[in-house]
Amino acid sequence: MAMGKQIRFKPEAEQQLWPQLNLAWSLFFLFMGLLNLYVAYQFDEATWVNFKLFGGMGLLFAFVVAQGFWLNKFIDQEEA
């Protein structure tokens, strides 16, 4: 909803899009939390720190790019 004024989606898709987007972010952060716990308890501290710095940032970047491609299908090109 915070981005609702900046991005205009096709009217037929907008009602179902925001809940799907919220669910995707929730599941991503749940996955990242579980993965963080796994790495923290199964590997040494140096590996965990490297995962937190590079792995977490890389996965977040990949998720945001994939989300951008997914959202592009629903953007209303006439108003853009």
C-alpha atoms as a PDB file:
ATOM      1  CA  MET A   1       0.000   0.000   0.000  1.00  0.00           C
ATOM      2  CA  ALA A   2       2.933   2.326   0.568  1.00  0.00           C
ATOM      3  CA  MET A   3       3.791   2.160  -3.133  1.00  0.00           C
ATOM      4  CA  GLY A   4       0.157   2.445  -4.251  1.00  0.00           C
ATOM      5  CA  LYS A   5       0.481   6.059  -5.351  1.00  0.00           C
ATOM      6  CA  GLN A   6       3.749   5.568  -7.247  1.00  0.00           C
ATOM      7  CA  ILE A   7       2.793   2.511  -9.283  1.00  0.00           C
ATOM      8  CA  ARG A   8      -0.471   2.120 -11.173  1.00  0.00           C
ATOM      9  CA  PHE A   9      -1.505  -1.463 -11.798  1.00  0.00           C
ATOM     10  CA  LYS A  10      -4.169  -2.786 -14.121  1.00  0.00           C
ATOM     11  CA  PRO A  11      -7.511  -2.440 -12.301  1.00  0.00           C
ATOM     12  CA  GLU A  12      -8.436  -6.097 -12.755  1.00  0.00           C
ATOM     13  CA  ALA A  13      -5.207  -7.243 -11.084  1.00  0.00           C
ATOM     14  CA  GLU A  14      -4.814  -4.719  -8.298  1.00  0.00           C
ATOM     15  CA  GLN A  15      -7.187  -6.306  -5.762  1.00  0.00           C
ATOM     16  CA  GLN A  16      -5.366  -9.637  -5.781  1.00  0.00           C
ATOM     17  CA  LEU A  17      -1.869  -8.244  -6.339  1.00  0.00           C
ATOM     18  CA  TRP A  18      -1.196  -6.559  -2.980  1.00  0.00           C
ATOM     19  CA  PRO A  19      -2.075  -9.590  -0.829  1.00  0.00           C
ATOM     20  CA  GLN A  20       0.115 -11.767  -3.062  1.00  0.00           C
ATOM     21  CA  LEU A  21       2.961  -9.275  -2.761  1.00  0.00           C
ATOM     22  CA  ASN A  22       2.612  -9.158   1.036  1.00  0.00           C
ATOM     23  CA  LEU A  23       2.582 -12.957   1.190  1.00  0.00           C
ATOM     24  CA  ALA A  24       5.676 -13.183  -1.017  1.00  0.00           C
ATOM     25  CA  TRP A  25       7.620 -10.806   1.259  1.00  0.00           C
ATOM     26  CA  SER A  26       6.438 -12.621   4.389  1.00  0.00           C
ATOM     27  CA  LEU A  27       7.490 -16.004   3.019  1.00  0.00           C
ATOM     28  CA  PHE A  28      10.822 -14.597   1.849  1.00  0.00           C
ATOM     29  CA  PHE A  29      11.646 -13.220   5.303  1.00  0.00           C
ATOM     30  CA  LEU A  30      10.524 -16.456   6.946  1.00  0.00           C
ATOM     31  CA  PHE A  31      12.791 -18.390   4.569  1.00  0.00           C
ATOM     32  CA  MET A  32      15.691 -16.013   5.261  1.00  0.00           C
ATOM     33  CA  GLY A  33      15.213 -16.352   9.017  1.00  0.00           C
ATOM     34  CA  LEU A  34      15.177 -20.138   8.875  1.00  0.00           C
ATOM     35  CA  LEU A  35      18.171 -20.192   6.538  1.00  0.00           C
ATOM     36  CA  ASN A  36      20.034 -17.839   8.888  1.00  0.00           C
ATOM     37  CA  LEU A  37      19.369 -20.136  11.837  1.00  0.00           C
ATOM     38  CA  TYR A  38      20.516 -23.150   9.855  1.00  0.00           C
ATOM     39  CA  VAL A  39      23.782 -21.487   8.812  1.00  0.00           C
ATOM     40  CA  ALA A  40      24.375 -20.096  12.316  1.00  0.00           C
ATOM     41  CA  TYR A  41      24.079 -23.490  13.994  1.00  0.00           C
ATOM     42  CA  GLN A  42      25.616 -25.733  11.325  1.00  0.00           C
ATOM     43  CA  PHE A  43      28.693 -23.726  10.311  1.00  0.00           C
ATOM     44  CA  ASP A  44      31.435 -21.806  12.044  1.00  0.00           C
ATOM     45  CA  GLU A  45      31.134 -18.120  12.920  1.00  0.00           C
ATOM     46  CA  ALA A  46      33.197 -16.862   9.973  1.00  0.00           C
ATOM     47  CA  THR A  47      30.988 -18.711   7.494  1.00  0.00           C
ATOM     48  CA  TRP A  48      27.872 -17.342   9.176  1.00  0.00           C
ATOM     49  CA  VAL A  49      29.201 -13.772   9.036  1.00  0.00           C
ATOM     50  CA  ASN A  50      30.018 -14.147   5.342  1.00  0.00           C
ATOM     51  CA  PHE A  51      26.554 -15.562   4.718  1.00  0.00           C
ATOM     52  CA  LYS A  52      24.923 -12.670   6.570  1.00  0.00           C
ATOM     53  CA  LEU A  53      26.931 -10.118   4.613  1.00  0.00           C
ATOM     54  CA  PHE A  54      27.077 -11.552   1.107  1.00  0.00           C
ATOM     55  CA  GLY A  55      24.531 -14.373   0.976  1.00  0.00           C
ATOM     56  CA  GLY A  56      21.686 -12.493   2.596  1.00  0.00           C
ATOM     57  CA  MET A  57      22.288  -9.394   0.521  1.00  0.00           C
ATOM     58  CA  GLY A  58      22.559 -11.446  -2.661  1.00  0.00           C
ATOM     59  CA  LEU A  59      19.344 -13.343  -1.972  1.00  0.00           C
ATOM     60  CA  LEU A  60      17.512 -10.104  -1.161  1.00  0.00           C
ATOM     61  CA  PHE A  61      18.755  -8.503  -4.385  1.00  0.00           C
ATOM     62  CA  ALA A  62      17.708 -11.549  -6.416  1.00  0.00           C
ATOM     63  CA  PHE A  63      14.263 -11.532  -4.764  1.00  0.00           C
ATOM     64  CA  VAL A  64      13.732  -7.825  -5.490  1.00  0.00           C
ATOM     65  CA  VAL A  65      14.778  -8.234  -9.139  1.00  0.00           C
ATOM     66  CA  ALA A  66      12.503 -11.259  -9.577  1.00  0.00           C
ATOM     67  CA  GLN A  67       9.664  -9.343  -7.934  1.00  0.00           C
ATOM     68  CA  GLY A  68      10.256  -6.440 -10.332  1.00  0.00           C
ATOM     69  CA  PHE A  69       9.915  -8.709 -13.334  1.00  0.00           C
ATOM     70  CA  TRP A  70       6.767 -10.248 -11.848  1.00  0.00           C
ATOM     71  CA  LEU A  71       5.197  -6.846 -11.080  1.00  0.00           C
ATOM     72  CA  ASN A  72       6.003  -5.549 -14.553  1.00  0.00           C
ATOM     73  CA  LYS A  73       3.299  -7.831 -15.962  1.00  0.00           C
ATOM     74  CA  PHE A  74       0.648  -5.960 -13.971  1.00  0.00           C
ATOM     75  CA  ILE A  75       1.682  -2.338 -14.530  1.00  0.00           C
ATOM     76  CA  ASP A  76      -0.864  -0.253 -16.397  1.00  0.00           C
ATOM     77  CA  GLN A  77       1.128   0.926 -19.436  1.00  0.00           C
ATOM     78  CA  GLU A  78      -1.488   3.497 -20.467  1.00  0.00           C
ATOM     79  CA  GLU A  79      -1.027   5.614 -17.342  1.00  0.00           C
ATOM     80  CA  ALA A  80       2.755   5.131 -17.274  1.00  0.00           C
END
